[in-house]
PDB file of N, CA and C in Angstrom:
ATOM      1  N   MET A   1     128.008 120.645  86.205  1.00  0.00           N
ATOM      2  CA  MET A   1     127.440 120.379  87.524  1.00  0.00           C
ATOM      3  C   MET A   1     128.469 119.648  88.385  1.00  0.00           C
ATOM      4  N   THR A   2     128.495 119.970  89.618  1.00  0.00           N
ATOM      5  CA  THR A   2     129.393 119.297  90.538  1.00  0.00           C
ATOM      6  C   THR A   2     128.718 118.049  91.072  1.00  0.00           C
ATOM      7  N   GLU A   3     129.528 117.183  91.670  1.00  0.00           N
ATOM      8  CA  GLU A   3     128.957 115.980  92.277  1.00  0.00           C
ATOM      9  C   GLU A   3     127.997 116.349  93.397  1.00  0.00           C
ATOM     10  N   GLU A   4     128.315 117.373  94.143  1.00  0.00           N
ATOM     11  CA  GLU A   4     127.450 117.798  95.231  1.00  0.00           C
ATOM     12  C   GLU A   4     126.078 118.210  94.699  1.00  0.00           C
ATOM     13  N   SER A   5     126.046 118.908  93.593  1.00  0.00           N
ATOM     14  CA  SER A   5     124.780 119.321  93.000  1.00  0.00           C
ATOM     15  C   SER A   5     123.964 118.111  92.580  1.00  0.00           C
ATOM     16  N   ASP A   6     124.608 117.111  91.989  1.00  0.00           N
ATOM     17  CA  ASP A   6     123.917 115.891  91.583  1.00  0.00           C
ATOM     18  C   ASP A   6     123.355 115.164  92.801  1.00  0.00           C
ATOM     19  N   ALA A   7     124.142 115.102  93.866  1.00  0.00           N
ATOM     20  CA  ALA A   7     123.684 114.434  95.087  1.00  0.00           C
ATOM     21  C   ALA A   7     122.512 115.190  95.700  1.00  0.00           C
ATOM     22  N   GLU A   8     122.609 116.513  95.698  1.00  0.00           N
ATOM     23  CA  GLU A   8     121.518 117.322  96.242  1.00  0.00           C
ATOM     24  C   GLU A   8     120.248 117.129  95.437  1.00  0.00           C
ATOM     25  N   ARG A   9     120.366 117.064  94.112  1.00  0.00           N
ATOM     26  CA  ARG A   9     119.181 116.841  93.274  1.00  0.00           C
ATOM     27  C   ARG A   9     118.593 115.466  93.548  1.00  0.00           C
ATOM     28  N   GLY A  10     119.438 114.460  93.730  1.00  0.00           N
ATOM     29  CA  GLY A  10     118.949 113.123  94.042  1.00  0.00           C
ATOM     30  C   GLY A  10     118.230 113.087  95.374  1.00  0.00           C
ATOM     31  N   THR A  11     118.798 113.767  96.352  1.00  0.00           N
ATOM     32  CA  THR A  11     118.168 113.830  97.677  1.00  0.00           C
ATOM     33  C   THR A  11     116.836 114.550  97.585  1.00  0.00           C
ATOM     34  N   GLU A  12     116.798 115.662  96.861  1.00  0.00           N
ATOM     35  CA  GLU A  12     115.549 116.405  96.710  1.00  0.00           C
ATOM     36  C   GLU A  12     114.487 115.542  96.031  1.00  0.00           C
ATOM     37  N   TYR A  13     114.883 114.813  95.006  1.00  0.00           N
ATOM     38  CA  TYR A  13     113.940 113.932  94.304  1.00  0.00           C
ATOM     39  C   TYR A  13     113.335 112.916  95.267  1.00  0.00           C
ATOM     40  N   HIS A  14     114.183 112.266  96.055  1.00  0.00           N
ATOM     41  CA  HIS A  14     113.698 111.236  96.975  1.00  0.00           C
ATOM     42  C   HIS A  14     112.822 111.821  98.074  1.00  0.00           C
ATOM     43  N   LEU A  15     113.183 112.997  98.573  1.00  0.00           N
ATOM     44  CA  LEU A  15     112.359 113.627  99.605  1.00  0.00           C
ATOM     45  C   LEU A  15     110.998 114.038  99.049  1.00  0.00           C
ATOM     46  N   ARG A  16     110.990 114.538  97.822  1.00  0.00           N
ATOM     47  CA  ARG A  16     109.706 114.889  97.199  1.00  0.00           C
ATOM     48  C   ARG A  16     108.857 113.644  96.972  1.00  0.00           C
ATOM     49  N   ALA A  17     109.486 112.545  96.575  1.00  0.00           N
ATOM     50  CA  ALA A  17     108.751 111.290  96.391  1.00  0.00           C
ATOM     51  C   ALA A  17     108.148 110.832  97.711  1.00  0.00           C
ATOM     52  N   ALA A  18     108.911 110.961  98.795  1.00  0.00           N
ATOM     53  CA  ALA A  18     108.393 110.575 100.112  1.00  0.00           C
ATOM     54  C   ALA A  18     107.190 111.426 100.478  1.00  0.00           C
ATOM     55  N   LEU A  19     107.276 112.728 100.228  1.00  0.00           N
ATOM     56  CA  LEU A  19     106.146 113.607 100.518  1.00  0.00           C
ATOM     57  C   LEU A  19     104.924 113.243  99.680  1.00  0.00           C
ATOM     58  N   ASN A  20     105.144 112.901  98.429  1.00  0.00           N
ATOM     59  CA  ASN A  20     104.028 112.483  97.572  1.00  0.00           C
ATOM     60  C   ASN A  20     103.368 111.218  98.108  1.00  0.00           C
ATOM     61  N   HIS A  21     104.174 110.250  98.539  1.00  0.00           N
ATOM     62  CA  HIS A  21     103.626 109.006  99.079  1.00  0.00           C
ATOM     63  C   HIS A  21     102.830 109.274 100.351  1.00  0.00           C
ATOM     64  N   LEU A  22     103.359 110.142 101.195  1.00  0.00           N
ATOM     65  CA  LEU A  22     102.629 110.492 102.421  1.00  0.00           C
ATOM     66  C   LEU A  22     101.314 111.184 102.094  1.00  0.00           C
ATOM     67  N   GLY A  23     101.340 112.081 101.124  1.00  0.00           N
ATOM     68  CA  GLY A  23     100.129 112.777 100.718  1.00  0.00           C
ATOM     69  C   GLY A  23      99.075 111.816 100.191  1.00  0.00           C
ATOM     70  N   GLU A  24      99.515 110.840  99.414  1.00  0.00           N
ATOM     71  CA  GLU A  24      98.584 109.847  98.891  1.00  0.00           C
ATOM     72  C   GLU A  24      97.962 109.039 100.021  1.00  0.00           C
ATOM     73  N   ALA A  25      98.780 108.692 100.999  1.00  0.00           N
ATOM     74  CA  ALA A  25      98.263 107.918 102.136  1.00  0.00           C
ATOM     75  C   ALA A  25      97.266 108.752 102.937  1.00  0.00           C
ATOM     76  N   GLN A  26      97.583 110.024 103.140  1.00  0.00           N
ATOM     77  CA  GLN A  26      96.698 110.894 103.911  1.00  0.00           C
ATOM     78  C   GLN A  26      95.394 111.168 103.175  1.00  0.00           C
ATOM     79  N   ASP A  27      95.455 111.253 101.857  1.00  0.00           N
ATOM     80  CA  ASP A  27      94.261 111.537 101.062  1.00  0.00           C
ATOM     81  C   ASP A  27      93.407 110.296 100.846  1.00  0.00           C
ATOM     82  N   GLY A  28      93.891 109.146 101.309  1.00  0.00           N
ATOM     83  CA  GLY A  28      93.132 107.915 101.140  1.00  0.00           C
ATOM     84  C   GLY A  28      93.079 107.466  99.698  1.00  0.00           C
ATOM     85  N   ASP A  29      94.154 107.640  98.971  1.00  0.00           N
ATOM     86  CA  ASP A  29      94.233 107.222  97.573  1.00  0.00           C
ATOM     87  C   ASP A  29      93.869 105.744  97.484  1.00  0.00           C
ATOM     88  N   LEU A  30      92.808 105.438  96.765  1.00  0.00           N
ATOM     89  CA  LEU A  30      92.311 104.069  96.697  1.00  0.00           C
ATOM     90  C   LEU A  30      93.218 103.140  95.892  1.00  0.00           C
ATOM     91  N   ARG A  31      94.134 103.702  95.152  1.00  0.00           N
ATOM     92  CA  ARG A  31      95.050 102.849  94.388  1.00  0.00           C
ATOM     93  C   ARG A  31      96.129 102.244  95.273  1.00  0.00           C
ATOM     94  N   LYS A  32      96.289 102.762  96.475  1.00  0.00           N
ATOM     95  CA  LYS A  32      97.331 102.265  97.366  1.00  0.00           C
ATOM     96  C   LYS A  32      96.743 102.030  98.740  1.00  0.00           C
ATOM     97  N   THR A  33      97.175 100.982  99.367  1.00  0.00           N
ATOM     98  CA  THR A  33      96.799 100.800 100.767  1.00  0.00           C
ATOM     99  C   THR A  33      97.778 101.584 101.612  1.00  0.00           C
ATOM    100  N   ASN A  34      97.406 101.876 102.836  1.00  0.00           N
ATOM    101  CA  ASN A  34      98.328 102.588 103.725  1.00  0.00           C
ATOM    102  C   ASN A  34      99.616 101.813 103.920  1.00  0.00           C
ATOM    103  N   ALA A  35      99.531 100.486 104.005  1.00  0.00           N
ATOM    104  CA  ALA A  35     100.731  99.674 104.207  1.00  0.00           C
ATOM    105  C   ALA A  35     101.705  99.844 103.045  1.00  0.00           C
ATOM    106  N   VAL A  36     101.187  99.853 101.829  1.00  0.00           N
ATOM    107  CA  VAL A  36     102.044 100.010 100.657  1.00  0.00           C
ATOM    108  C   VAL A  36     102.648 101.409 100.636  1.00  0.00           C
ATOM    109  N   ALA A  37     101.829 102.417 100.932  1.00  0.00           N
ATOM    110  CA  ALA A  37     102.338 103.791 100.949  1.00  0.00           C
ATOM    111  C   ALA A  37     103.436 103.943 101.997  1.00  0.00           C
ATOM    112  N   LEU A  38     103.224 103.371 103.172  1.00  0.00           N
ATOM    113  CA  LEU A  38     104.239 103.460 104.227  1.00  0.00           C
ATOM    114  C   LEU A  38     105.516 102.730 103.822  1.00  0.00           C
ATOM    115  N   GLU A  39     105.383 101.606 103.159  1.00  0.00           N
ATOM    116  CA  GLU A  39     106.565 100.872 102.688  1.00  0.00           C
ATOM    117  C   GLU A  39     107.336 101.715 101.673  1.00  0.00           C
ATOM    118  N   GLU A  40     106.628 102.388 100.778  1.00  0.00           N
ATOM    119  CA  GLU A  40     107.285 103.229  99.781  1.00  0.00           C
ATOM    120  C   GLU A  40     108.010 104.402 100.445  1.00  0.00           C
ATOM    121  N   VAL A  41     107.387 104.994 101.435  1.00  0.00           N
ATOM    122  CA  VAL A  41     108.040 106.096 102.162  1.00  0.00           C
ATOM    123  C   VAL A  41     109.284 105.579 102.875  1.00  0.00           C
ATOM    124  N   SER A  42     109.156 104.427 103.509  1.00  0.00           N
ATOM    125  CA  SER A  42     110.298 103.837 104.202  1.00  0.00           C
ATOM    126  C   SER A  42     111.449 103.586 103.233  1.00  0.00           C
ATOM    127  N   ASN A  43     111.144 103.050 102.075  1.00  0.00           N
ATOM    128  CA  ASN A  43     112.171 102.793 101.061  1.00  0.00           C
ATOM    129  C   ASN A  43     112.804 104.088 100.577  1.00  0.00           C
ATOM    130  N   THR A  44     111.988 105.112 100.392  1.00  0.00           N
ATOM    131  CA  THR A  44     112.497 106.396  99.927  1.00  0.00           C
ATOM    132  C   THR A  44     113.421 107.023 100.957  1.00  0.00           C
ATOM    133  N   VAL A  45     113.004 107.015 102.219  1.00  0.00           N
ATOM    134  CA  VAL A  45     113.837 107.584 103.277  1.00  0.00           C
ATOM    135  C   VAL A  45     115.143 106.794 103.398  1.00  0.00           C
ATOM    136  N   SER A  46     115.070 105.486 103.276  1.00  0.00           N
ATOM    137  CA  SER A  46     116.285 104.665 103.320  1.00  0.00           C
ATOM    138  C   SER A  46     117.236 105.041 102.192  1.00  0.00           C
ATOM    139  N   SER A  47     116.688 105.275 101.004  1.00  0.00           N
ATOM    140  CA  SER A  47     117.521 105.676  99.868  1.00  0.00           C
ATOM    141  C   SER A  47     118.214 106.997 100.131  1.00  0.00           C
ATOM    142  N   VAL A  48     117.480 107.943 100.699  1.00  0.00           N
ATOM    143  CA  VAL A  48     118.055 109.255 101.011  1.00  0.00           C
ATOM    144  C   VAL A  48     119.175 109.108 102.032  1.00  0.00           C
ATOM    145  N   LEU A  49     118.949 108.307 103.053  1.00  0.00           N
ATOM    146  CA  LEU A  49     119.979 108.113 104.073  1.00  0.00           C
ATOM    147  C   LEU A  49     121.219 107.448 103.486  1.00  0.00           C
ATOM    148  N   ARG A  50     121.030 106.472 102.613  1.00  0.00           N
ATOM    149  CA  ARG A  50     122.189 105.813 101.972  1.00  0.00           C
ATOM    150  C   ARG A  50     122.977 106.818 101.145  1.00  0.00           C
ATOM    151  N   GLU A  51     122.275 107.649 100.374  1.00  0.00           N
ATOM    152  CA  GLU A  51     122.961 108.663  99.577  1.00  0.00           C
ATOM    153  C   GLU A  51     123.734 109.629 100.465  1.00  0.00           C
ATOM    154  N   HIS A  52     123.111 110.031 101.564  1.00  0.00           N
ATOM    155  CA  HIS A  52     123.762 110.956 102.480  1.00  0.00           C
ATOM    156  C   HIS A  52     125.025 110.336 103.078  1.00  0.00           C
ATOM    157  N   GLU A  53     124.961 109.054 103.450  1.00  0.00           N
ATOM    158  CA  GLU A  53     126.123 108.371 104.021  1.00  0.00           C
ATOM    159  C   GLU A  53     127.237 108.248 102.992  1.00  0.00           C
ATOM    160  N   GLN A  54     126.886 108.025 101.732  1.00  0.00           N
ATOM    161  CA  GLN A  54     127.907 107.906 100.670  1.00  0.00           C
ATOM    162  C   GLN A  54     128.597 109.231 100.425  1.00  0.00           C
ATOM    163  N   ASP A  55     127.856 110.326 100.612  1.00  0.00           N
ATOM    164  CA  ASP A  55     128.420 111.659 100.363  1.00  0.00           C
ATOM    165  C   ASP A  55     129.388 112.102 101.452  1.00  0.00           C
ATOM    166  N   GLU A  56     129.311 111.480 102.620  1.00  0.00           N
ATOM    167  CA  GLU A  56     130.183 111.909 103.730  1.00  0.00           C
ATOM    168  C   GLU A  56     131.572 111.384 103.598  1.00  0.00           C
TER     169      GLU A  56
END
């Protein structure tokens, strides 16, 4: 595997995690408050952006 492939897989993982967190917030998952779900999405998006900046 190339480094680019590893970075792409990491980015895909984080984006999927963000989508899962958003879905949980939209579905009203009682295990999480909206504030916690939004914080998790924010953290995930930040991670993706950091990875993208490192790859440039």
